[in-house]
Amino acid sequence: MLTFKQMEALYWIVQLGSFEAAANRLNATQSAVSKRVQELERNFDVAVFDRSSRTARLTEKGAEIFEYAKELLERRAQIEERIGSKEVLVRQVRIGVTELTALTWLPRLIAAIQAAYPKARVEAEVDLTATLRERLAADTIDLIVVPQTHSTEAFAATQVGEVENAWMCSPALARKKATIALADITEFPLILQGAQSGTGYLYMRFLQEQGVGTPRILASNSLIAQLGLTLSGLGVSYLPKACLGHMVARGALSIIHTQPALPPVRYVALHRPSQPDALVAVIARLAAQMCDFNSNLLDPGAI
C-alpha cells in the first residue's frame, strides 16, 4: 500500500541529497527511511534509486514517481492549510533573522504566528545573512528574513520592507558642513560590516561602484558592537536612521549627510520554492505585515 511516509522519504532524499539528511529532516532513523523506499519500490516493482551510484540518484522511473510524490505532498499541504483548523495545526517552524530584525520587530512576528497558529512551535535564530542563506539551502531552517543581496533569487522571495541608513558618529567627530561628498567620508575612521553581513555586502559594493576606497576601517559583523564603537567616538559608521532616531534626538549620535546618500536596504523573506508547505508561505506574508524597522527594543521608550 502506498503511504505518505513513503512519499515524504522519497521527496526529502531527493531534495537533500542523501538518506541521512532526509532521516534528520523527518526525525526518523536512516534505516526507517531506507525501509520506506524499499516498500515503495516493492509497491511499483521498480528501482527508484540507482544503486550503482554513491549519491541518491533517481532512475528514470524513480524521477517519474518523485514528480507524483511532490504533487501529492503539495496538495496535502494545501488541504491542511485551507481546510484544517489553524487552532489544531501542530508544526515546528524554524525562522532565521539578522540582528536588526531581532532588535526591532521579531517579537511582533512570533506573536502573530502564535496567534494564527496557537500550536505551532516557533524557533528563531539570529545570524549573518550569508550563514542564514546557507542554512536555508541546507534545509536546517524554514524561512529567513535578510537584506536582498541578489537581483534574482534561487529562493521564493517576499518583499517585507526596507531600511534607510545614514552615516553616523559621535558629536565630537561631526563637522559643521550640512553635506559632504561621499568620497570625503574616508577622511574619518570607518566602522563597517563585513561581506558576510547583507548590509555590509551591499554597502561595500556601493562604495566600490562610487569609486570610494575604505583605507581606514574597523570591521564588525555585530550591529550592537558597531553601534557601541560609533558611540565611543572611534569612527563613523552606517546605522539605521529610524530605530536610532532617539539617540540622534538626544545628541548621542550625529548624522553626516553625504552626496550621494546611502541607498536603502530592502529586506525579503526567503524560503525554498520546492518546499511542499503552505504554512511557510503564510509566514512570509505575515512577515511583510509585521515588518517595522522604526522601533528599537533597546530604546527605553519602546518598552
C-alpha atoms as a PDB file:
ATOM      1  CA  MET A   1       0.000   0.000   0.000  1.00  0.00           C
ATOM      2  CA  LEU A   2       1.300   3.439  -0.956  1.00  0.00           C
ATOM      3  CA  THR A   3       1.716   5.793   2.026  1.00  0.00           C
ATOM      4  CA  PHE A   4       2.552   9.433   2.601  1.00  0.00           C
ATOM      5  CA  LYS A   5       5.562   8.349   4.665  1.00  0.00           C
ATOM      6  CA  GLN A   6       6.992   6.673   1.573  1.00  0.00           C
ATOM      7  CA  MET A   7       6.317   9.802  -0.480  1.00  0.00           C
ATOM      8  CA  GLU A   8       7.957  12.005   2.151  1.00  0.00           C
ATOM      9  CA  ALA A   9      11.019   9.776   2.298  1.00  0.00           C
ATOM     10  CA  LEU A  10      11.465   9.917  -1.469  1.00  0.00           C
ATOM     11  CA  TYR A  11      10.845  13.671  -1.603  1.00  0.00           C
ATOM     12  CA  TRP A  12      13.349  14.619   1.099  1.00  0.00           C
ATOM     13  CA  ILE A  13      16.044  12.210  -0.078  1.00  0.00           C
ATOM     14  CA  VAL A  14      15.948  13.901  -3.479  1.00  0.00           C
ATOM     15  CA  GLN A  15      15.716  17.421  -2.074  1.00  0.00           C
ATOM     16  CA  LEU A  16      18.517  16.998   0.478  1.00  0.00           C
ATOM     17  CA  GLY A  17      20.707  14.613  -1.473  1.00  0.00           C
ATOM     18  CA  SER A  18      21.086  11.747   0.991  1.00  0.00           C
ATOM     19  CA  PHE A  19      19.215   9.215   3.116  1.00  0.00           C
ATOM     20  CA  GLU A  20      20.921  10.589   6.237  1.00  0.00           C
ATOM     21  CA  ALA A  21      19.786  14.171   5.632  1.00  0.00           C
ATOM     22  CA  ALA A  22      16.249  13.000   4.868  1.00  0.00           C
ATOM     23  CA  ALA A  23      16.186  10.990   8.101  1.00  0.00           C
ATOM     24  CA  ASN A  24      17.215  14.085  10.088  1.00  0.00           C
ATOM     25  CA  ARG A  25      14.546  16.152   8.363  1.00  0.00           C
ATOM     26  CA  LEU A  26      11.857  13.564   9.076  1.00  0.00           C
ATOM     27  CA  ASN A  27      13.016  12.904  12.656  1.00  0.00           C
ATOM     28  CA  ALA A  28      13.465   9.241  11.737  1.00  0.00           C
ATOM     29  CA  THR A  29      16.335   6.766  11.643  1.00  0.00           C
ATOM     30  CA  GLN A  30      18.202   6.205   8.409  1.00  0.00           C
ATOM     31  CA  SER A  31      17.116   2.563   8.424  1.00  0.00           C
ATOM     32  CA  ALA A  32      13.470   3.625   8.713  1.00  0.00           C
ATOM     33  CA  VAL A  33      13.829   5.917   5.707  1.00  0.00           C
ATOM     34  CA  SER A  34      15.537   3.147   3.733  1.00  0.00           C
ATOM     35  CA  LYS A  35      12.709   0.768   4.616  1.00  0.00           C
ATOM     36  CA  ARG A  36      10.119   3.249   3.313  1.00  0.00           C
ATOM     37  CA  VAL A  37      11.950   3.464  -0.014  1.00  0.00           C
ATOM     38  CA  GLN A  38      12.168  -0.330  -0.245  1.00  0.00           C
ATOM     39  CA  GLU A  39       8.432  -0.589   0.398  1.00  0.00           C
ATOM     40  CA  LEU A  40       7.822   1.992  -2.330  1.00  0.00           C
ATOM     41  CA  GLU A  41       9.962   0.012  -4.771  1.00  0.00           C
ATOM     42  CA  ARG A  42       8.049  -3.183  -3.950  1.00  0.00           C
ATOM     43  CA  ASN A  43       4.736  -1.386  -4.494  1.00  0.00           C
ATOM     44  CA  PHE A  44       5.690  -0.485  -8.068  1.00  0.00           C
ATOM     45  CA  ASP A  45       8.131  -3.349  -8.698  1.00  0.00           C
ATOM     46  CA  VAL A  46      10.758  -0.854  -9.884  1.00  0.00           C
ATOM     47  CA  ALA A  47      14.085   0.515  -8.671  1.00  0.00           C
ATOM     48  CA  VAL A  48      13.595   4.104  -7.504  1.00  0.00           C
ATOM     49  CA  PHE A  49      17.289   4.867  -6.935  1.00  0.00           C
ATOM     50  CA  ASP A  50      20.320   3.828  -8.944  1.00  0.00           C
ATOM     51  CA  ARG A  51      22.186   1.567  -6.536  1.00  0.00           C
ATOM     52  CA  SER A  52      25.394   1.755  -8.627  1.00  0.00           C
ATOM     53  CA  SER A  53      25.815   5.429  -7.658  1.00  0.00           C
ATOM     54  CA  ARG A  54      27.127   6.628  -4.304  1.00  0.00           C
ATOM     55  CA  THR A  55      24.736   9.565  -4.396  1.00  0.00           C
ATOM     56  CA  ALA A  56      20.945   9.413  -4.198  1.00  0.00           C
ATOM     57  CA  ARG A  57      20.411   9.394  -7.970  1.00  0.00           C
ATOM     58  CA  LEU A  58      16.938   8.599  -9.294  1.00  0.00           C
ATOM     59  CA  THR A  59      16.266   6.088 -12.020  1.00  0.00           C
ATOM     60  CA  GLU A  60      14.011   7.126 -14.889  1.00  0.00           C
ATOM     61  CA  LYS A  61      11.001   5.554 -13.181  1.00  0.00           C
ATOM     62  CA  GLY A  62      12.124   6.985  -9.869  1.00  0.00           C
ATOM     63  CA  ALA A  63      12.104  10.501 -11.340  1.00  0.00           C
ATOM     64  CA  GLU A  64       8.547   9.940 -12.537  1.00  0.00           C
ATOM     65  CA  ILE A  65       7.420   8.727  -9.111  1.00  0.00           C
ATOM     66  CA  PHE A  66       9.195  11.708  -7.484  1.00  0.00           C
ATOM     67  CA  GLU A  67       7.098  14.167  -9.515  1.00  0.00           C
ATOM     68  CA  TYR A  68       3.933  12.403  -8.354  1.00  0.00           C
ATOM     69  CA  ALA A  69       5.209  12.440  -4.761  1.00  0.00           C
ATOM     70  CA  LYS A  70       5.920  16.156  -4.937  1.00  0.00           C
ATOM     71  CA  GLU A  71       2.449  16.865  -6.319  1.00  0.00           C
ATOM     72  CA  LEU A  72       0.760  14.728  -3.657  1.00  0.00           C
ATOM     73  CA  LEU A  73       2.634  16.399  -0.804  1.00  0.00           C
ATOM     74  CA  GLU A  74       1.878  19.861  -2.165  1.00  0.00           C
ATOM     75  CA  ARG A  75      -1.813  19.017  -2.428  1.00  0.00           C
ATOM     76  CA  ARG A  76      -1.825  17.607   1.109  1.00  0.00           C
ATOM     77  CA  ALA A  77      -0.230  20.802   2.441  1.00  0.00           C
ATOM     78  CA  GLN A  78      -2.842  22.917   0.662  1.00  0.00           C
ATOM     79  CA  ILE A  79      -5.672  20.827   2.092  1.00  0.00           C
ATOM     80  CA  GLU A  80      -4.260  21.001   5.619  1.00  0.00           C
ATOM     81  CA  GLU A  81      -3.804  24.764   5.318  1.00  0.00           C
ATOM     82  CA  ARG A  82      -7.185  25.596   3.748  1.00  0.00           C
ATOM     83  CA  ILE A  83      -9.475  23.097   5.443  1.00  0.00           C
ATOM     84  CA  GLY A  84      -7.696  22.142   8.640  1.00  0.00           C
ATOM     85  CA  SER A  85      -8.244  24.244  11.758  1.00  0.00           C
ATOM     86  CA  LYS A  86      -5.366  26.617  12.464  1.00  0.00           C
ATOM     87  CA  GLU A  87      -6.015  26.069  16.158  1.00  0.00           C
ATOM     88  CA  VAL A  88      -5.015  22.393  15.920  1.00  0.00           C
ATOM     89  CA  LEU A  89      -2.201  22.600  13.351  1.00  0.00           C
ATOM     90  CA  VAL A  90       0.957  21.402  15.087  1.00  0.00           C
ATOM     91  CA  ARG A  91       4.193  22.267  13.332  1.00  0.00           C
ATOM     92  CA  GLN A  92       7.727  23.285  14.156  1.00  0.00           C
ATOM     93  CA  VAL A  93       8.686  26.440  12.266  1.00  0.00           C
ATOM     94  CA  ARG A  94      12.343  27.442  12.106  1.00  0.00           C
ATOM     95  CA  ILE A  95      12.947  31.141  11.382  1.00  0.00           C
ATOM     96  CA  GLY A  96      16.258  32.930  10.881  1.00  0.00           C
ATOM     97  CA  VAL A  97      16.748  36.703  11.034  1.00  0.00           C
ATOM     98  CA  THR A  98      19.592  39.171  11.131  1.00  0.00           C
ATOM     99  CA  GLU A  99      20.363  41.307  14.161  1.00  0.00           C
ATOM    100  CA  LEU A 100      18.381  44.377  13.120  1.00  0.00           C
ATOM    101  CA  THR A 101      15.146  42.420  12.723  1.00  0.00           C
ATOM    102  CA  ALA A 102      15.743  40.757  16.094  1.00  0.00           C
ATOM    103  CA  LEU A 103      16.135  44.179  17.712  1.00  0.00           C
ATOM    104  CA  THR A 104      13.039  45.662  16.106  1.00  0.00           C
ATOM    105  CA  TRP A 105      10.065  43.560  15.017  1.00  0.00           C
ATOM    106  CA  LEU A 106      10.891  39.853  15.513  1.00  0.00           C
ATOM    107  CA  PRO A 107       8.754  39.644  18.717  1.00  0.00           C
ATOM    108  CA  ARG A 108       5.769  41.008  16.757  1.00  0.00           C
ATOM    109  CA  LEU A 109       6.238  38.360  14.069  1.00  0.00           C
ATOM    110  CA  ILE A 110       6.461  35.493  16.568  1.00  0.00           C
ATOM    111  CA  ALA A 111       3.353  36.784  18.374  1.00  0.00           C
ATOM    112  CA  ALA A 112       1.466  36.963  15.050  1.00  0.00           C
ATOM    113  CA  ILE A 113       2.446  33.389  14.139  1.00  0.00           C
ATOM    114  CA  GLN A 114       1.395  32.084  17.543  1.00  0.00           C
ATOM    115  CA  ALA A 115      -1.887  33.988  17.353  1.00  0.00           C
ATOM    116  CA  ALA A 116      -2.684  32.481  13.938  1.00  0.00           C
ATOM    117  CA  TYR A 117      -1.342  29.007  14.768  1.00  0.00           C
ATOM    118  CA  PRO A 118      -1.510  28.525  18.564  1.00  0.00           C
ATOM    119  CA  LYS A 119       0.077  25.075  18.467  1.00  0.00           C
ATOM    120  CA  ALA A 120       2.901  25.948  16.082  1.00  0.00           C
ATOM    121  CA  ARG A 121       6.329  25.749  17.722  1.00  0.00           C
ATOM    122  CA  VAL A 122       8.428  28.700  16.603  1.00  0.00           C
ATOM    123  CA  GLU A 123      12.222  28.512  16.794  1.00  0.00           C
ATOM    124  CA  ALA A 124      14.032  31.760  15.961  1.00  0.00           C
ATOM    125  CA  GLU A 125      17.750  32.195  15.374  1.00  0.00           C
ATOM    126  CA  VAL A 126      19.849  35.311  14.786  1.00  0.00           C
ATOM    127  CA  ASP A 127      22.825  35.135  12.438  1.00  0.00           C
ATOM    128  CA  LEU A 128      24.572  36.758   9.484  1.00  0.00           C
ATOM    129  CA  THR A 129      22.906  36.873   6.066  1.00  0.00           C
ATOM    130  CA  ALA A 130      25.450  34.571   4.405  1.00  0.00           C
ATOM    131  CA  THR A 131      25.088  31.947   7.141  1.00  0.00           C
ATOM    132  CA  LEU A 132      21.292  32.082   7.056  1.00  0.00           C
ATOM    133  CA  ARG A 133      21.281  31.605   3.285  1.00  0.00           C
ATOM    134  CA  GLU A 134      23.484  28.543   3.660  1.00  0.00           C
ATOM    135  CA  ARG A 135      21.178  27.182   6.361  1.00  0.00           C
ATOM    136  CA  LEU A 136      18.130  27.717   4.155  1.00  0.00           C
ATOM    137  CA  ALA A 137      19.744  25.912   1.227  1.00  0.00           C
ATOM    138  CA  ALA A 138      20.701  23.017   3.521  1.00  0.00           C
ATOM    139  CA  ASP A 139      17.137  22.820   4.910  1.00  0.00           C
ATOM    140  CA  THR A 140      18.190  23.362   8.510  1.00  0.00           C
ATOM    141  CA  ILE A 141      15.886  26.374   8.640  1.00  0.00           C
ATOM    142  CA  ASP A 142      12.484  27.022   7.022  1.00  0.00           C
ATOM    143  CA  LEU A 143      12.371  30.773   6.400  1.00  0.00           C
ATOM    144  CA  ILE A 144      14.804  33.663   6.713  1.00  0.00           C
ATOM    145  CA  VAL A 145      14.395  37.459   6.726  1.00  0.00           C
ATOM    146  CA  VAL A 146      17.522  39.110   5.317  1.00  0.00           C
ATOM    147  CA  PRO A 147      18.696  42.050   3.197  1.00  0.00           C
ATOM    148  CA  GLN A 148      18.097  41.445  -0.509  1.00  0.00           C
ATOM    149  CA  THR A 149      21.595  40.979  -1.908  1.00  0.00           C
ATOM    150  CA  HIS A 150      20.695  39.314  -5.227  1.00  0.00           C
ATOM    151  CA  SER A 151      18.666  40.730  -8.113  1.00  0.00           C
ATOM    152  CA  THR A 152      17.426  37.212  -8.927  1.00  0.00           C
ATOM    153  CA  GLU A 153      16.745  34.649  -6.226  1.00  0.00           C
ATOM    154  CA  ALA A 154      17.074  30.874  -6.099  1.00  0.00           C
ATOM    155  CA  PHE A 155      14.519  31.021  -3.268  1.00  0.00           C
ATOM    156  CA  ALA A 156      10.916  32.146  -3.180  1.00  0.00           C
ATOM    157  CA  ALA A 157      11.066  35.794  -2.071  1.00  0.00           C
ATOM    158  CA  THR A 158       8.512  38.075  -0.407  1.00  0.00           C
ATOM    159  CA  GLN A 159       9.352  41.760  -0.027  1.00  0.00           C
ATOM    160  CA  VAL A 160       8.870  42.766   3.605  1.00  0.00           C
ATOM    161  CA  GLY A 161      10.276  46.293   3.944  1.00  0.00           C
ATOM    162  CA  GLU A 162      13.335  48.478   3.686  1.00  0.00           C
ATOM    163  CA  VAL A 163      15.780  50.274   5.949  1.00  0.00           C
ATOM    164  CA  GLU A 164      17.160  53.765   5.425  1.00  0.00           C
ATOM    165  CA  ASN A 165      20.676  54.034   6.806  1.00  0.00           C
ATOM    166  CA  ALA A 166      22.844  57.089   7.355  1.00  0.00           C
ATOM    167  CA  TRP A 167      26.448  57.764   8.245  1.00  0.00           C
ATOM    168  CA  MET A 168      26.560  58.436  11.983  1.00  0.00           C
ATOM    169  CA  CYS A 169      29.204  59.375  14.513  1.00  0.00           C
ATOM    170  CA  SER A 170      29.609  60.839  17.963  1.00  0.00           C
ATOM    171  CA  PRO A 171      29.041  64.629  18.081  1.00  0.00           C
ATOM    172  CA  ALA A 172      32.782  65.100  18.735  1.00  0.00           C
ATOM    173  CA  LEU A 173      33.568  63.814  15.219  1.00  0.00           C
ATOM    174  CA  ALA A 174      30.793  65.677  13.427  1.00  0.00           C
ATOM    175  CA  ARG A 175      31.567  68.530  11.076  1.00  0.00           C
ATOM    176  CA  LYS A 176      29.626  71.723  10.615  1.00  0.00           C
ATOM    177  CA  LYS A 177      29.092  71.217   6.877  1.00  0.00           C
ATOM    178  CA  ALA A 178      25.499  70.313   6.056  1.00  0.00           C
ATOM    179  CA  THR A 179      26.528  67.822   3.361  1.00  0.00           C
ATOM    180  CA  ILE A 180      29.849  66.381   2.227  1.00  0.00           C
ATOM    181  CA  ALA A 181      30.861  64.436  -0.868  1.00  0.00           C
ATOM    182  CA  LEU A 182      30.654  60.680  -0.380  1.00  0.00           C
ATOM    183  CA  ALA A 183      34.373  60.350  -1.154  1.00  0.00           C
ATOM    184  CA  ASP A 184      35.163  62.602   1.821  1.00  0.00           C
ATOM    185  CA  ILE A 185      33.732  60.038   4.231  1.00  0.00           C
ATOM    186  CA  THR A 186      37.079  58.232   4.037  1.00  0.00           C
ATOM    187  CA  GLU A 187      38.679  61.131   5.928  1.00  0.00           C
ATOM    188  CA  PHE A 188      37.116  59.554   9.019  1.00  0.00           C
ATOM    189  CA  PRO A 189      37.990  56.173  10.521  1.00  0.00           C
ATOM    190  CA  LEU A 190      35.196  53.926   9.241  1.00  0.00           C
ATOM    191  CA  ILE A 191      33.398  51.200  11.176  1.00  0.00           C
ATOM    192  CA  LEU A 192      31.973  48.794   8.586  1.00  0.00           C
ATOM    193  CA  GLN A 193      30.373  45.386   8.480  1.00  0.00           C
ATOM    194  CA  GLY A 194      31.990  42.531   6.563  1.00  0.00           C
ATOM    195  CA  ALA A 195      30.733  40.791   3.429  1.00  0.00           C
ATOM    196  CA  GLN A 196      29.035  38.051   5.497  1.00  0.00           C
ATOM    197  CA  SER A 197      26.563  40.739   6.538  1.00  0.00           C
ATOM    198  CA  GLY A 198      23.909  41.548   3.931  1.00  0.00           C
ATOM    199  CA  THR A 199      24.089  45.276   4.645  1.00  0.00           C
ATOM    200  CA  GLY A 200      27.883  45.139   4.738  1.00  0.00           C
ATOM    201  CA  TYR A 201      27.997  43.376   1.372  1.00  0.00           C
ATOM    202  CA  LEU A 202      25.599  45.873  -0.231  1.00  0.00           C
ATOM    203  CA  TYR A 203      27.381  48.968   1.064  1.00  0.00           C
ATOM    204  CA  MET A 204      30.884  47.704   0.278  1.00  0.00           C
ATOM    205  CA  ARG A 205      29.655  47.154  -3.286  1.00  0.00           C
ATOM    206  CA  PHE A 206      28.018  50.607  -3.326  1.00  0.00           C
ATOM    207  CA  LEU A 207      31.236  52.307  -2.203  1.00  0.00           C
ATOM    208  CA  GLN A 208      33.227  50.416  -4.827  1.00  0.00           C
ATOM    209  CA  GLU A 209      30.765  51.440  -7.547  1.00  0.00           C
ATOM    210  CA  GLN A 210      31.163  55.062  -6.444  1.00  0.00           C
ATOM    211  CA  GLY A 211      34.947  54.747  -6.594  1.00  0.00           C
ATOM    212  CA  VAL A 212      35.314  55.210  -2.846  1.00  0.00           C
ATOM    213  CA  GLY A 213      38.067  53.211  -1.147  1.00  0.00           C
ATOM    214  CA  THR A 214      37.994  52.239   2.526  1.00  0.00           C
ATOM    215  CA  PRO A 215      41.600  52.507   3.754  1.00  0.00           C
ATOM    216  CA  ARG A 216      40.910  53.011   7.474  1.00  0.00           C
ATOM    217  CA  ILE A 217      38.289  50.677   8.833  1.00  0.00           C
ATOM    218  CA  LEU A 218      37.243  48.794  11.933  1.00  0.00           C
ATOM    219  CA  ALA A 219      35.281  45.699  10.927  1.00  0.00           C
ATOM    220  CA  SER A 220      32.393  44.329  12.961  1.00  0.00           C
ATOM    221  CA  ASN A 221      29.635  41.902  12.000  1.00  0.00           C
ATOM    222  CA  SER A 222      27.689  42.766  15.147  1.00  0.00           C
ATOM    223  CA  LEU A 223      25.265  45.688  14.920  1.00  0.00           C
ATOM    224  CA  ILE A 224      25.433  46.213  18.689  1.00  0.00           C
ATOM    225  CA  ALA A 225      29.239  46.328  18.606  1.00  0.00           C
ATOM    226  CA  GLN A 226      29.119  48.618  15.594  1.00  0.00           C
ATOM    227  CA  LEU A 227      26.820  50.987  17.480  1.00  0.00           C
ATOM    228  CA  GLY A 228      28.977  50.849  20.603  1.00  0.00           C
ATOM    229  CA  LEU A 229      32.157  51.660  18.695  1.00  0.00           C
ATOM    230  CA  THR A 230      30.411  54.571  16.998  1.00  0.00           C
ATOM    231  CA  LEU A 231      29.053  55.973  20.279  1.00  0.00           C
ATOM    232  CA  SER A 232      32.573  55.714  21.729  1.00  0.00           C
ATOM    233  CA  GLY A 233      33.871  58.102  19.082  1.00  0.00           C
ATOM    234  CA  LEU A 234      36.150  55.571  17.364  1.00  0.00           C
ATOM    235  CA  GLY A 235      34.811  56.283  13.913  1.00  0.00           C
ATOM    236  CA  VAL A 236      31.899  56.807  11.523  1.00  0.00           C
ATOM    237  CA  SER A 237      29.501  54.036  10.606  1.00  0.00           C
ATOM    238  CA  TYR A 238      26.289  53.485   8.658  1.00  0.00           C
ATOM    239  CA  LEU A 239      23.405  52.864  11.055  1.00  0.00           C
ATOM    240  CA  PRO A 240      19.597  52.604  10.714  1.00  0.00           C
ATOM    241  CA  LYS A 241      18.038  56.061  10.975  1.00  0.00           C
ATOM    242  CA  ALA A 242      14.534  55.276  12.184  1.00  0.00           C
ATOM    243  CA  CYS A 243      15.208  53.000  15.138  1.00  0.00           C
ATOM    244  CA  LEU A 244      18.167  55.097  16.329  1.00  0.00           C
ATOM    245  CA  GLY A 245      16.342  58.411  15.950  1.00  0.00           C
ATOM    246  CA  HIS A 246      16.048  58.734  19.735  1.00  0.00           C
ATOM    247  CA  MET A 247      19.863  58.720  20.040  1.00  0.00           C
ATOM    248  CA  VAL A 248      20.177  61.397  17.383  1.00  0.00           C
ATOM    249  CA  ALA A 249      17.423  63.458  19.044  1.00  0.00           C
ATOM    250  CA  ARG A 250      19.145  63.472  22.418  1.00  0.00           C
ATOM    251  CA  GLY A 251      22.558  64.249  20.921  1.00  0.00           C
ATOM    252  CA  ALA A 252      24.291  60.926  21.474  1.00  0.00           C
ATOM    253  CA  LEU A 253      24.764  60.491  17.710  1.00  0.00           C
ATOM    254  CA  SER A 254      25.133  62.928  14.831  1.00  0.00           C
ATOM    255  CA  ILE A 255      24.274  62.265  11.189  1.00  0.00           C
ATOM    256  CA  ILE A 256      26.751  63.044   8.425  1.00  0.00           C
ATOM    257  CA  HIS A 257      24.888  63.743   5.192  1.00  0.00           C
ATOM    258  CA  THR A 258      26.670  62.692   2.007  1.00  0.00           C
ATOM    259  CA  GLN A 259      26.131  63.236  -1.688  1.00  0.00           C
ATOM    260  CA  PRO A 260      25.136  60.709  -2.904  1.00  0.00           C
ATOM    261  CA  ALA A 261      23.404  59.317   0.151  1.00  0.00           C
ATOM    262  CA  LEU A 262      23.423  55.667   1.085  1.00  0.00           C
ATOM    263  CA  PRO A 263      20.737  53.691  -0.799  1.00  0.00           C
ATOM    264  CA  PRO A 264      18.032  51.971   1.269  1.00  0.00           C
ATOM    265  CA  VAL A 265      18.441  48.279   2.065  1.00  0.00           C
ATOM    266  CA  ARG A 266      15.492  46.124   1.032  1.00  0.00           C
ATOM    267  CA  TYR A 267      14.587  43.131   3.178  1.00  0.00           C
ATOM    268  CA  VAL A 268      12.991  39.927   1.936  1.00  0.00           C
ATOM    269  CA  ALA A 269      11.542  36.777   3.486  1.00  0.00           C
ATOM    270  CA  LEU A 270      13.034  33.761   1.700  1.00  0.00           C
ATOM    271  CA  HIS A 271      12.018  30.116   1.680  1.00  0.00           C
ATOM    272  CA  ARG A 272      12.704  27.177  -0.595  1.00  0.00           C
ATOM    273  CA  PRO A 273      10.261  27.172  -3.531  1.00  0.00           C
ATOM    274  CA  SER A 274      10.314  23.372  -3.649  1.00  0.00           C
ATOM    275  CA  GLN A 275       9.089  23.022  -0.081  1.00  0.00           C
ATOM    276  CA  PRO A 276       5.583  21.499  -0.128  1.00  0.00           C
ATOM    277  CA  ASP A 277       4.350  23.537   2.821  1.00  0.00           C
ATOM    278  CA  ALA A 278       1.804  26.337   2.543  1.00  0.00           C
ATOM    279  CA  LEU A 279       2.415  27.389   6.153  1.00  0.00           C
ATOM    280  CA  VAL A 280       5.861  28.815   5.359  1.00  0.00           C
ATOM    281  CA  ALA A 281       4.413  30.962   2.558  1.00  0.00           C
ATOM    282  CA  VAL A 282       1.777  32.253   5.002  1.00  0.00           C
ATOM    283  CA  ILE A 283       4.508  33.187   7.493  1.00  0.00           C
ATOM    284  CA  ALA A 284       6.379  35.056   4.747  1.00  0.00           C
ATOM    285  CA  ARG A 285       3.251  37.149   4.185  1.00  0.00           C
ATOM    286  CA  LEU A 286       2.899  37.666   7.938  1.00  0.00           C
ATOM    287  CA  ALA A 287       6.485  38.957   7.984  1.00  0.00           C
ATOM    288  CA  ALA A 288       5.549  41.582   5.387  1.00  0.00           C
ATOM    289  CA  GLN A 289       2.614  42.673   7.556  1.00  0.00           C
ATOM    290  CA  MET A 290       4.570  42.785  10.826  1.00  0.00           C
ATOM    291  CA  CYS A 291       7.742  44.391   9.460  1.00  0.00           C
ATOM    292  CA  ASP A 292       8.535  47.627  11.302  1.00  0.00           C
ATOM    293  CA  PHE A 293      12.120  48.844  11.500  1.00  0.00           C
ATOM    294  CA  ASN A 294      11.110  52.060  13.284  1.00  0.00           C
ATOM    295  CA  SER A 295      11.021  50.708  16.833  1.00  0.00           C
ATOM    296  CA  ASN A 296      14.072  49.629  18.785  1.00  0.00           C
ATOM    297  CA  LEU A 297      13.841  47.195  21.677  1.00  0.00           C
ATOM    298  CA  LEU A 298      16.893  48.888  23.252  1.00  0.00           C
ATOM    299  CA  ASP A 299      15.065  52.216  23.325  1.00  0.00           C
ATOM    300  CA  PRO A 300      13.504  52.657  26.799  1.00  0.00           C
ATOM    301  CA  GLY A 301      10.616  54.493  25.189  1.00  0.00           C
ATOM    302  CA  ALA A 302       9.726  51.483  23.057  1.00  0.00           C
ATOM    303  CA  ILE A 303       9.071  49.182  26.003  1.00  0.00           C
END
